[in-house]
Amino acid sequence: MECALACLLLFAIVVPAVAIDGLVPYDVPAAEVDKVYTRDYYDCIGASRAVPATMQDCIVAERQRLQPRLATAYSDAMDRVVDGNELGRNQTAWIVQGSEYCEAETSGADDLVRESCLLIETARRIAWLKQL
């Protein structure tokens, strides 16, 4: 698992927790973010032999696997928070601006780096929603 993460980080950017147009920055410990990724993802990255096209396939597949988990984490958080409207606005802004953020941060980079940014942000968001 550690090799898989090291291989990913070799090609990925480390995206800092930032405020995006009024969104509260969410700083989640890396260990909590790492728990979000599936075993299939770690196995895929480990088997990729650091071949960029194969790693990108692993990243795209993991983003698809995480979409239902993101929806569940959001739904569960909505049940726990006092102001669901605020969280709803925050989630909508994150969906729109988060992808714009990765586009801007990875401008000129290859698809692997951009997809890595989107995966990291999705995993970070899931971990953040779970801690609310």
C-alpha atoms as a PDB file:
ATOM      1  CA  MET A   1       0.000   0.000   0.000  1.00  0.00           C
ATOM      2  CA  GLU A   2       2.835   2.430   0.795  1.00  0.00           C
ATOM      3  CA  CYS A   3       4.486   1.693  -2.546  1.00  0.00           C
ATOM      4  CA  ALA A   4       1.238   2.397  -4.335  1.00  0.00           C
ATOM      5  CA  LEU A   5       0.930   5.765  -2.651  1.00  0.00           C
ATOM      6  CA  ALA A   6       4.564   6.589  -3.358  1.00  0.00           C
ATOM      7  CA  CYS A   7       4.079   5.673  -7.015  1.00  0.00           C
ATOM      8  CA  LEU A   8       1.014   7.889  -7.237  1.00  0.00           C
ATOM      9  CA  LEU A   9       2.736  10.800  -5.548  1.00  0.00           C
ATOM     10  CA  LEU A  10       5.636  10.452  -7.956  1.00  0.00           C
ATOM     11  CA  PHE A  11       3.323  11.617 -10.746  1.00  0.00           C
ATOM     12  CA  ALA A  12       0.698  13.532  -8.791  1.00  0.00           C
ATOM     13  CA  ILE A  13       0.752  16.958  -7.294  1.00  0.00           C
ATOM     14  CA  VAL A  14       0.072  17.385  -3.639  1.00  0.00           C
ATOM     15  CA  VAL A  15      -2.891  19.715  -3.504  1.00  0.00           C
ATOM     16  CA  PRO A  16      -2.937  21.908  -0.396  1.00  0.00           C
ATOM     17  CA  ALA A  17      -6.146  22.522   1.498  1.00  0.00           C
ATOM     18  CA  VAL A  18      -7.387  25.835   0.173  1.00  0.00           C
ATOM     19  CA  ALA A  19     -10.375  28.103   0.335  1.00  0.00           C
ATOM     20  CA  ILE A  20     -12.166  28.249  -3.011  1.00  0.00           C
ATOM     21  CA  ASP A  21     -14.233  31.421  -3.360  1.00  0.00           C
ATOM     22  CA  GLY A  22     -15.581  31.476   0.151  1.00  0.00           C
ATOM     23  CA  LEU A  23     -15.499  27.756   0.875  1.00  0.00           C
ATOM     24  CA  VAL A  24     -14.072  26.945   4.253  1.00  0.00           C
ATOM     25  CA  PRO A  25     -10.722  25.250   3.723  1.00  0.00           C
ATOM     26  CA  TYR A  26     -10.855  21.684   4.852  1.00  0.00           C
ATOM     27  CA  ASP A  27      -7.676  20.286   6.241  1.00  0.00           C
ATOM     28  CA  VAL A  28      -7.871  16.551   6.702  1.00  0.00           C
ATOM     29  CA  PRO A  29      -4.935  14.462   7.944  1.00  0.00           C
ATOM     30  CA  ALA A  30      -3.345  12.448   5.137  1.00  0.00           C
ATOM     31  CA  ALA A  31      -3.907   9.238   7.102  1.00  0.00           C
ATOM     32  CA  GLU A  32      -7.660   9.868   7.024  1.00  0.00           C
ATOM     33  CA  VAL A  33      -7.588  10.597   3.301  1.00  0.00           C
ATOM     34  CA  ASP A  34      -5.592   7.417   2.664  1.00  0.00           C
ATOM     35  CA  LYS A  35      -8.348   5.387   4.353  1.00  0.00           C
ATOM     36  CA  VAL A  36     -10.811   6.528   1.679  1.00  0.00           C
ATOM     37  CA  TYR A  37      -9.031   4.776  -1.202  1.00  0.00           C
ATOM     38  CA  THR A  38     -10.173   1.232  -1.971  1.00  0.00           C
ATOM     39  CA  ARG A  39      -8.062  -1.911  -1.848  1.00  0.00           C
ATOM     40  CA  ASP A  40      -8.669  -2.289  -5.605  1.00  0.00           C
ATOM     41  CA  TYR A  41      -7.026   1.086  -6.148  1.00  0.00           C
ATOM     42  CA  TYR A  42      -3.927   0.229  -4.137  1.00  0.00           C
ATOM     43  CA  ASP A  43      -3.656  -3.121  -5.935  1.00  0.00           C
ATOM     44  CA  CYS A  44      -4.065  -1.457  -9.337  1.00  0.00           C
ATOM     45  CA  ILE A  45      -1.464   1.236  -8.642  1.00  0.00           C
ATOM     46  CA  GLY A  46       0.919  -1.387  -7.256  1.00  0.00           C
ATOM     47  CA  ALA A  47       0.510  -3.524 -10.377  1.00  0.00           C
ATOM     48  CA  SER A  48       0.887  -0.548 -12.721  1.00  0.00           C
ATOM     49  CA  ARG A  49       4.689  -0.628 -12.523  1.00  0.00           C
ATOM     50  CA  ALA A  50       4.508   3.185 -12.616  1.00  0.00           C
ATOM     51  CA  VAL A  51       3.409   3.147 -16.268  1.00  0.00           C
ATOM     52  CA  PRO A  52       1.593   6.490 -16.605  1.00  0.00           C
ATOM     53  CA  ALA A  53      -1.250   5.260 -18.844  1.00  0.00           C
ATOM     54  CA  THR A  54      -1.937   2.330 -16.521  1.00  0.00           C
ATOM     55  CA  MET A  55      -1.787   4.561 -13.449  1.00  0.00           C
ATOM     56  CA  GLN A  56      -4.247   6.939 -15.075  1.00  0.00           C
ATOM     57  CA  ASP A  57      -6.633   4.035 -15.708  1.00  0.00           C
ATOM     58  CA  CYS A  58      -6.359   3.123 -12.004  1.00  0.00           C
ATOM     59  CA  ILE A  59      -7.051   6.717 -10.961  1.00  0.00           C
ATOM     60  CA  VAL A  60     -10.077   7.103 -13.249  1.00  0.00           C
ATOM     61  CA  ALA A  61     -11.517   3.786 -12.036  1.00  0.00           C
ATOM     62  CA  GLU A  62     -11.017   4.829  -8.409  1.00  0.00           C
ATOM     63  CA  ARG A  63     -12.748   8.169  -8.983  1.00  0.00           C
ATOM     64  CA  GLN A  64     -15.721   6.246 -10.378  1.00  0.00           C
ATOM     65  CA  ARG A  65     -15.721   3.920  -7.353  1.00  0.00           C
ATOM     66  CA  LEU A  66     -15.595   6.900  -4.992  1.00  0.00           C
ATOM     67  CA  GLN A  67     -18.613   8.721  -6.464  1.00  0.00           C
ATOM     68  CA  PRO A  68     -21.201   6.646  -4.548  1.00  0.00           C
ATOM     69  CA  ARG A  69     -19.089   6.972  -1.390  1.00  0.00           C
ATOM     70  CA  LEU A  70     -19.001  10.756  -1.860  1.00  0.00           C
ATOM     71  CA  ALA A  71     -22.789  10.810  -2.181  1.00  0.00           C
ATOM     72  CA  THR A  72     -23.176   8.678   0.948  1.00  0.00           C
ATOM     73  CA  ALA A  73     -20.717  10.785   2.949  1.00  0.00           C
ATOM     74  CA  TYR A  74     -22.594  13.920   1.911  1.00  0.00           C
ATOM     75  CA  SER A  75     -25.984  12.439   2.778  1.00  0.00           C
ATOM     76  CA  ASP A  76     -24.724  11.233   6.163  1.00  0.00           C
ATOM     77  CA  ALA A  77     -23.174  14.651   6.881  1.00  0.00           C
ATOM     78  CA  MET A  78     -26.458  16.363   5.999  1.00  0.00           C
ATOM     79  CA  ASP A  79     -28.119  14.223   8.689  1.00  0.00           C
ATOM     80  CA  ARG A  80     -25.543  15.357  11.271  1.00  0.00           C
ATOM     81  CA  VAL A  81     -25.103  19.083  10.628  1.00  0.00           C
ATOM     82  CA  VAL A  82     -27.261  21.844  12.056  1.00  0.00           C
ATOM     83  CA  ASP A  83     -27.425  23.927   8.872  1.00  0.00           C
ATOM     84  CA  GLY A  84     -28.014  21.624   5.935  1.00  0.00           C
ATOM     85  CA  ASN A  85     -28.513  24.594   3.607  1.00  0.00           C
ATOM     86  CA  GLU A  86     -24.995  25.831   4.293  1.00  0.00           C
ATOM     87  CA  LEU A  87     -23.512  22.395   3.671  1.00  0.00           C
ATOM     88  CA  GLY A  88     -25.593  22.090   0.497  1.00  0.00           C
ATOM     89  CA  ARG A  89     -24.254  25.391  -0.832  1.00  0.00           C
ATOM     90  CA  ASN A  90     -20.747  24.358   0.156  1.00  0.00           C
ATOM     91  CA  GLN A  91     -21.076  21.014  -1.636  1.00  0.00           C
ATOM     92  CA  THR A  92     -22.422  22.637  -4.793  1.00  0.00           C
ATOM     93  CA  ALA A  93     -19.573  25.148  -4.798  1.00  0.00           C
ATOM     94  CA  TRP A  94     -17.038  22.366  -4.208  1.00  0.00           C
ATOM     95  CA  ILE A  95     -18.377  20.352  -7.148  1.00  0.00           C
ATOM     96  CA  VAL A  96     -18.132  23.310  -9.522  1.00  0.00           C
ATOM     97  CA  GLN A  97     -15.047  25.046  -8.242  1.00  0.00           C
ATOM     98  CA  GLY A  98     -13.078  21.982  -7.180  1.00  0.00           C
ATOM     99  CA  SER A  99     -12.711  20.777 -10.737  1.00  0.00           C
ATOM    100  CA  GLU A 100     -11.895  24.312 -11.893  1.00  0.00           C
ATOM    101  CA  TYR A 101      -9.245  24.430  -9.165  1.00  0.00           C
ATOM    102  CA  CYS A 102      -7.602  21.227 -10.409  1.00  0.00           C
ATOM    103  CA  GLU A 103      -7.720  22.527 -13.985  1.00  0.00           C
ATOM    104  CA  ALA A 104      -5.975  25.745 -12.937  1.00  0.00           C
ATOM    105  CA  GLU A 105      -3.454  24.042 -10.659  1.00  0.00           C
ATOM    106  CA  THR A 106      -2.477  21.489 -13.301  1.00  0.00           C
ATOM    107  CA  SER A 107      -2.553  23.782 -16.319  1.00  0.00           C
ATOM    108  CA  GLY A 108      -0.058  22.515 -18.854  1.00  0.00           C
ATOM    109  CA  ALA A 109       0.362  19.206 -17.033  1.00  0.00           C
ATOM    110  CA  ASP A 110      -0.609  15.868 -18.483  1.00  0.00           C
ATOM    111  CA  ASP A 111      -3.909  14.090 -17.860  1.00  0.00           C
ATOM    112  CA  LEU A 112      -2.372  11.857 -15.194  1.00  0.00           C
ATOM    113  CA  VAL A 113      -1.559  14.842 -12.990  1.00  0.00           C
ATOM    114  CA  ARG A 114      -4.989  16.405 -13.525  1.00  0.00           C
ATOM    115  CA  GLU A 115      -6.795  13.136 -12.763  1.00  0.00           C
ATOM    116  CA  SER A 116      -4.599  12.675  -9.681  1.00  0.00           C
ATOM    117  CA  CYS A 117      -5.616  16.114  -8.436  1.00  0.00           C
ATOM    118  CA  LEU A 118      -9.298  15.292  -8.918  1.00  0.00           C
ATOM    119  CA  LEU A 119      -8.897  11.951  -7.123  1.00  0.00           C
ATOM    120  CA  ILE A 120      -7.044  13.524  -4.205  1.00  0.00           C
ATOM    121  CA  GLU A 121      -9.671  16.248  -3.877  1.00  0.00           C
ATOM    122  CA  THR A 122     -12.506  13.711  -4.001  1.00  0.00           C
ATOM    123  CA  ALA A 123     -10.899  11.526  -1.332  1.00  0.00           C
ATOM    124  CA  ARG A 124     -10.150  14.580   0.797  1.00  0.00           C
ATOM    125  CA  ARG A 125     -13.765  15.730   0.480  1.00  0.00           C
ATOM    126  CA  ILE A 126     -15.096  12.323   1.550  1.00  0.00           C
ATOM    127  CA  ALA A 127     -12.814  12.285   4.582  1.00  0.00           C
ATOM    128  CA  TRP A 128     -13.851  15.852   5.463  1.00  0.00           C
ATOM    129  CA  LEU A 129     -17.562  15.072   5.181  1.00  0.00           C
ATOM    130  CA  LYS A 130     -17.123  12.023   7.408  1.00  0.00           C
ATOM    131  CA  GLN A 131     -15.587  14.101  10.166  1.00  0.00           C
ATOM    132  CA  LEU A 132     -18.458  16.621  10.300  1.00  0.00           C
END
